[in-house]
Amino acid sequence: MQMLCSLRRWLRGLEPRVRSHMDRPWLLRLQPWLEQRALFRFQRQPLARGVAAGMFCGLIPGPLQLPGTLLACAWLRGNVVAGGMTTFYTNPLTIVPLYALAFYLGALVMPGEQVMPAWGSVAPDGAFSVQALAAWMQALGTPLLVGLPTLGLLLAALGYVAVHILWLAPAVQRGRRWQRCRAAVGTTPPAEH
């Protein structure tokens, strides 16, 4: 719990530092729009929306993740910093398992039996390369196209709920401590005079 409280304090301390960079002359015109959109607020709702946008847009291929997250955060009124940081859950080590999971989710949704193509069909020597990965993704076909948005929505919902739970956990803990304290005070016998 102490770590969650420290994280919340650190996030709240980030807001003034980010806002100090907003006073740049080229951003002054955009400041009302940015304020209205809550793109740099480090509060529970904008953070949760930003994480959800980052989780969804993290599955977008390549360099389009961050621009997609920026647009999604502007549309959802989410925190851009949290959204951008969240997109890093996809990286060269995690992208293949995530795309395989997306394929299986798409295969569950689609009618008929869908079979995942073997890696050896696109890379006969089994070596990893960007070209082999692109060919494998193309071979995954329609189940991948259906599964990516499905997985993205599922991960976005999980991220949104996780931020709310982590943000409220210290408050719930304090409430339980307070109730135990009140119960302990209420059960002690009154002092005799």
Protein backbone atom coordinates (compact mmCIF):
# COMPACT_ATOMS: atom_id res chain seq x y z
CA MET A 1 0.00 0.00 0.00
CA GLN A 2 2.83 2.37 0.78
CA MET A 3 4.15 1.96 -2.76
CA LEU A 4 0.72 2.82 -4.24
CA CYS A 5 0.51 5.95 -2.10
CA SER A 6 4.00 6.95 -3.19
CA LEU A 7 3.08 6.38 -6.84
CA ARG A 8 -0.02 8.56 -6.48
CA ARG A 9 2.02 11.34 -4.85
CA TRP A 10 4.65 11.10 -7.58
CA LEU A 11 1.99 11.32 -10.30
CA ARG A 12 0.38 14.33 -8.64
CA GLY A 13 3.81 15.94 -8.37
CA LEU A 14 4.35 15.44 -12.12
CA GLU A 15 1.42 17.65 -13.04
CA PRO A 16 3.03 21.00 -12.07
CA ARG A 17 6.22 20.05 -13.91
CA VAL A 18 4.31 19.14 -17.08
CA ARG A 19 2.21 22.32 -16.80
CA SER A 20 5.37 24.44 -16.53
CA HIS A 21 6.32 23.22 -20.01
CA MET A 22 2.90 24.30 -21.29
CA ASP A 23 3.92 27.97 -21.03
CA ARG A 24 6.02 27.73 -24.16
CA PRO A 25 5.00 30.38 -26.74
CA TRP A 26 4.07 27.85 -29.41
CA LEU A 27 1.74 26.01 -26.98
CA LEU A 28 -0.05 29.08 -25.59
CA ARG A 29 -2.65 29.03 -28.36
CA LEU A 30 -3.38 25.36 -27.75
CA GLN A 31 -3.53 25.65 -23.97
CA PRO A 32 -7.34 26.11 -23.67
CA TRP A 33 -7.94 23.09 -25.88
CA LEU A 34 -5.37 21.00 -24.00
CA GLU A 35 -6.87 22.02 -20.66
CA GLN A 36 -10.37 21.17 -21.80
CA ARG A 37 -9.19 17.76 -23.00
CA ALA A 38 -7.42 16.91 -19.70
CA LEU A 39 -4.45 15.63 -21.69
CA PHE A 40 -2.00 16.47 -18.91
CA ARG A 41 -4.09 15.91 -15.75
CA PHE A 42 -2.71 13.31 -13.39
CA GLN A 43 -6.00 12.40 -11.75
CA ARG A 44 -7.78 9.06 -11.62
CA GLN A 45 -10.19 9.44 -14.57
CA PRO A 46 -7.75 10.96 -17.11
CA LEU A 47 -5.06 8.46 -16.09
CA ALA A 48 -7.44 5.52 -16.48
CA ARG A 49 -8.58 6.76 -19.88
CA GLY A 50 -4.98 7.32 -20.97
CA VAL A 51 -3.94 3.83 -19.92
CA ALA A 52 -6.96 2.36 -21.74
CA ALA A 53 -6.05 4.30 -24.90
CA GLY A 54 -2.43 3.16 -24.62
CA MET A 55 -3.43 -0.46 -24.15
CA PHE A 56 -5.69 -0.35 -27.21
CA CYS A 57 -3.28 1.58 -29.44
CA GLY A 58 -0.29 -0.48 -28.32
CA LEU A 59 -1.40 -3.21 -30.69
CA ILE A 60 -1.19 -0.88 -33.70
CA PRO A 61 1.84 -1.83 -35.76
CA GLY A 62 5.02 0.20 -35.68
CA PRO A 63 5.41 3.93 -35.47
CA LEU A 64 1.66 4.64 -35.52
CA GLN A 65 1.21 3.66 -31.87
CA LEU A 66 2.06 7.04 -30.34
CA PRO A 67 0.11 9.20 -32.84
CA GLY A 68 -2.85 6.83 -32.45
CA THR A 69 -2.60 7.10 -28.67
CA LEU A 70 -2.43 10.90 -28.85
CA LEU A 71 -5.59 11.00 -30.95
CA ALA A 72 -7.38 8.49 -28.74
CA CYS A 73 -6.39 10.42 -25.59
CA ALA A 74 -7.65 13.67 -27.14
CA TRP A 75 -10.94 11.98 -28.06
CA LEU A 76 -11.37 10.20 -24.70
CA ARG A 77 -9.96 13.11 -22.64
CA GLY A 78 -7.22 10.88 -21.26
CA ASN A 79 -3.73 11.56 -20.01
CA VAL A 80 -1.26 11.55 -22.92
CA VAL A 81 1.77 10.72 -20.76
CA ALA A 82 0.10 7.64 -19.27
CA GLY A 83 -1.17 6.58 -22.69
CA GLY A 84 2.21 6.96 -24.34
CA MET A 85 4.02 5.08 -21.58
CA THR A 86 1.47 2.27 -21.69
CA THR A 87 2.10 1.57 -25.38
CA PHE A 88 5.53 0.22 -24.44
CA TYR A 89 3.96 -3.05 -23.26
CA THR A 90 4.36 -4.10 -26.88
CA ASN A 91 7.96 -4.60 -27.86
CA PRO A 92 9.93 -7.11 -29.96
CA LEU A 93 9.68 -9.69 -27.15
CA THR A 94 5.93 -9.42 -26.57
CA ILE A 95 4.52 -8.67 -30.02
CA VAL A 96 4.58 -12.25 -31.34
CA PRO A 97 2.74 -13.76 -28.32
CA LEU A 98 0.24 -10.89 -28.36
CA TYR A 99 -0.46 -11.34 -32.07
CA ALA A 100 -0.82 -15.11 -31.56
CA LEU A 101 -3.32 -14.43 -28.76
CA ALA A 102 -5.15 -12.00 -31.04
CA PHE A 103 -5.27 -14.70 -33.74
CA TYR A 104 -6.82 -17.18 -31.30
CA LEU A 105 -9.36 -14.60 -30.12
CA GLY A 106 -10.26 -13.85 -33.74
CA ALA A 107 -10.55 -17.57 -34.45
CA LEU A 108 -12.97 -17.91 -31.52
CA VAL A 109 -15.16 -15.11 -32.87
CA MET A 110 -15.11 -16.18 -36.51
CA PRO A 111 -17.14 -19.11 -37.83
CA GLY A 112 -15.35 -22.23 -38.94
CA GLU A 113 -12.00 -23.64 -37.96
CA GLN A 114 -9.00 -21.33 -38.21
CA VAL A 115 -5.47 -22.75 -38.16
CA MET A 116 -2.48 -20.62 -37.26
CA PRO A 117 0.29 -20.84 -39.86
CA ALA A 118 3.57 -22.21 -38.57
CA TRP A 119 6.56 -19.90 -38.26
CA GLY A 120 8.52 -22.32 -40.44
CA SER A 121 6.18 -21.63 -43.37
CA VAL A 122 7.42 -18.02 -43.57
CA ALA A 123 10.96 -18.53 -42.25
CA PRO A 124 12.20 -21.93 -43.45
CA ASP A 125 15.48 -21.60 -41.54
CA GLY A 126 13.56 -20.49 -38.40
CA ALA A 127 15.52 -17.24 -38.09
CA PHE A 128 13.72 -14.13 -36.88
CA SER A 129 13.66 -11.11 -39.17
CA VAL A 130 11.37 -8.18 -39.76
CA GLN A 131 10.47 -9.56 -43.20
CA ALA A 132 9.61 -12.98 -41.72
CA LEU A 133 7.48 -11.32 -39.03
CA ALA A 134 5.63 -9.26 -41.67
CA ALA A 135 5.03 -12.36 -43.79
CA TRP A 136 3.80 -14.32 -40.76
CA MET A 137 1.41 -11.49 -39.78
CA GLN A 138 0.07 -11.40 -43.33
CA ALA A 139 -0.40 -15.19 -43.26
CA LEU A 140 -2.48 -14.85 -40.07
CA GLY A 141 -5.10 -13.06 -42.19
CA THR A 142 -8.67 -12.34 -41.17
CA PRO A 143 -8.55 -13.93 -37.69
CA LEU A 144 -5.77 -11.48 -36.79
CA LEU A 145 -7.76 -8.53 -38.19
CA VAL A 146 -10.75 -9.55 -36.07
CA GLY A 147 -8.69 -10.52 -33.02
CA LEU A 148 -6.55 -7.37 -32.74
CA PRO A 149 -9.45 -4.97 -32.00
CA THR A 150 -11.02 -7.60 -29.75
CA LEU A 151 -7.82 -8.04 -27.77
CA GLY A 152 -7.27 -4.28 -27.76
CA LEU A 153 -10.71 -3.64 -26.27
CA LEU A 154 -10.20 -6.37 -23.69
CA LEU A 155 -6.79 -5.01 -22.65
CA ALA A 156 -8.15 -1.44 -22.59
CA ALA A 157 -10.98 -2.46 -20.27
CA LEU A 158 -8.55 -4.33 -18.00
CA GLY A 159 -6.17 -1.35 -17.91
CA TYR A 160 -9.00 1.06 -17.12
CA VAL A 161 -10.25 -1.09 -14.24
CA ALA A 162 -6.72 -1.72 -12.95
CA VAL A 163 -5.98 2.00 -12.68
CA HIS A 164 -9.21 2.56 -10.76
CA ILE A 165 -8.46 -0.33 -8.40
CA LEU A 166 -4.86 0.76 -7.83
CA TRP A 167 -5.89 4.39 -7.33
CA LEU A 168 -8.62 3.57 -4.83
CA ALA A 169 -6.82 0.76 -2.98
CA PRO A 170 -5.13 3.07 -0.42
CA ALA A 171 -8.44 4.81 0.31
CA VAL A 172 -10.20 1.47 0.83
CA GLN A 173 -7.36 0.35 3.12
CA ARG A 174 -7.66 3.54 5.18
CA GLY A 175 -11.42 3.02 5.42
CA ARG A 176 -10.97 -0.53 6.70
CA ARG A 177 -8.40 0.63 9.26
CA TRP A 178 -10.77 3.36 10.40
CA GLN A 179 -13.64 0.86 10.76
CA ARG A 180 -11.45 -1.52 12.78
CA CYS A 181 -10.41 1.38 14.98
CA ARG A 182 -14.03 2.46 15.49
CA ALA A 183 -15.06 -1.12 16.25
CA ALA A 184 -12.23 -1.48 18.79
CA VAL A 185 -13.24 1.77 20.52
CA GLY A 186 -16.90 0.76 20.54
CA THR A 187 -16.25 -2.65 22.17
CA THR A 188 -14.12 -1.44 25.07
CA PRO A 189 -16.05 -1.20 28.35
CA PRO A 190 -16.57 2.31 29.71
CA ALA A 191 -14.18 3.37 32.48
CA GLU A 192 -15.60 3.35 35.99
CA HIS A 193 -15.44 6.49 38.14
